[in-house]
Protein backbone atom coordinates (compact mmCIF):
# COMPACT_ATOMS: atom_id res chain seq x y z
CA MET A 1 123.41 272.89 85.33
CA ARG A 2 124.73 270.72 88.17
CA ARG A 3 122.83 267.64 89.17
CA LEU A 4 121.03 267.74 92.50
CA VAL A 5 123.04 264.74 93.73
CA ASN A 6 126.33 266.58 93.19
CA GLN A 7 125.30 269.76 95.03
CA ARG A 8 126.37 270.39 98.61
CA PRO A 9 123.78 272.07 100.82
CA THR A 10 124.63 275.20 102.73
CA ARG A 11 125.16 275.08 106.48
CA GLY A 12 121.53 275.99 107.13
CA GLY A 13 120.39 273.46 104.57
CA MET A 14 122.40 270.75 106.33
CA LEU A 15 120.75 271.65 109.62
CA VAL A 16 117.28 271.45 108.09
CA LEU A 17 118.02 268.16 106.34
CA SER A 18 119.46 266.62 109.49
CA MET A 19 116.44 267.63 111.58
CA MET A 20 113.86 266.53 109.01
CA PRO A 21 113.64 262.81 110.02
CA PHE A 22 113.07 263.74 113.66
CA VAL A 23 110.43 266.33 112.81
CA LEU A 24 108.64 263.84 110.56
CA LEU A 25 108.81 261.15 113.25
CA ILE A 26 107.35 263.48 115.88
CA ALA A 27 104.62 264.61 113.47
CA ALA A 28 103.70 261.00 112.67
CA TYR A 29 103.59 260.13 116.38
CA LEU A 30 101.38 263.10 117.19
CA ALA A 31 99.02 262.28 114.32
CA ALA A 32 98.74 258.62 115.36
CA SER A 33 98.31 259.54 119.02
CA GLY A 34 95.59 262.02 118.15
CA ALA A 35 93.80 259.43 116.03
CA ARG A 36 94.03 256.87 118.84
CA LEU A 37 92.68 259.29 121.41
CA ALA A 38 89.88 260.35 119.06
CA ALA A 39 88.87 256.72 118.53
CA ASN A 40 88.90 255.82 122.23
CA PRO A 41 89.51 258.70 124.65
CA GLY A 42 89.02 256.52 127.74
CA ILE A 43 92.20 254.49 127.28
CA SER A 44 95.38 255.75 128.84
CA PHE A 45 98.76 254.10 129.26
CA CYS A 46 99.05 254.78 132.99
CA ARG A 47 96.44 255.64 135.58
CA ARG A 48 96.40 259.27 136.56
CA PRO A 49 96.12 260.35 140.20
CA ARG A 50 92.73 261.87 140.88
CA HIS A 51 93.21 263.48 144.27
CA SER A 52 96.82 263.61 145.32
CA PRO A 53 100.08 262.00 144.22
CA ALA A 54 100.81 260.83 147.79
CA LEU A 55 97.50 258.97 147.97
CA PHE A 56 98.07 257.57 144.49
CA THR A 57 101.50 256.09 145.28
CA ALA A 58 100.98 255.10 148.93
CA THR A 59 97.67 253.22 148.62
CA PRO A 60 98.14 249.55 147.71
CA SER A 61 95.99 247.98 145.02
CA LYS A 62 92.94 246.12 146.37
CA ARG A 63 93.37 243.28 143.91
CA THR A 64 97.10 242.55 144.20
CA SER A 65 98.05 244.49 147.37
CA ALA A 66 100.99 245.87 145.39
CA PRO A 67 101.76 249.60 145.12
CA ALA A 68 99.17 251.39 143.05
CA ILE A 69 101.54 252.38 140.26
CA SER A 70 99.80 250.41 137.53
CA CYS A 71 102.24 251.09 134.72
CA TYR A 72 105.30 249.80 136.62
CA GLY A 73 105.06 246.22 135.33
CA SER A 74 104.39 247.30 131.77
CA THR A 75 107.29 249.76 131.96
CA ARG A 76 109.58 246.95 133.10
CA ARG A 77 108.43 244.76 130.19
CA GLN A 78 108.94 247.61 127.72
CA LEU A 79 112.41 248.27 129.10
CA LYS A 80 113.25 244.57 128.74
CA ARG A 81 112.07 244.62 125.10
CA LEU A 82 114.10 247.76 124.45
CA ILE A 83 117.27 246.20 125.89
CA ILE A 84 116.74 243.02 123.85
CA ALA A 85 116.20 245.06 120.67
CA LEU A 86 119.30 247.14 121.39
CA GLY A 87 121.34 243.97 121.94
CA VAL A 88 120.09 242.39 118.71
CA SER A 89 120.79 245.55 116.71
CA ALA A 90 124.28 245.89 118.23
CA PHE A 91 125.01 242.24 117.46
CA LEU A 92 123.83 242.62 113.87
CA GLY A 93 125.80 245.84 113.49
CA VAL A 94 129.00 244.20 114.71
CA THR A 95 128.58 240.98 112.71
CA LEU A 96 127.06 242.31 109.50
CA GLY A 97 128.47 245.83 109.53
CA TRP A 98 130.67 247.32 106.83
CA PRO A 99 134.16 245.86 106.70
CA SER A 100 136.88 248.22 107.86
CA ALA A 101 139.26 247.46 105.00
């Protein structure tokens, strides 16, 4: 009997094994999102337009007199964090990566 480590999966098995991390990640996200919404259904990441998208985007905020897209600033901060994380991971990959020889 061959050991499981020494066996090569079939082509379909390779496809299933390669998709498994993504499926598990999506399932974990959906479970956590469902739990968050069940705990507090009133919280949302961005405001939703109630009447029309044109009114939602054209009306300035009463408090800041900026455009009413409330998630724009947080999106910019998240994008900045993502770029920083990508830069750090690329730097670590280049400096601490496997040697080529």
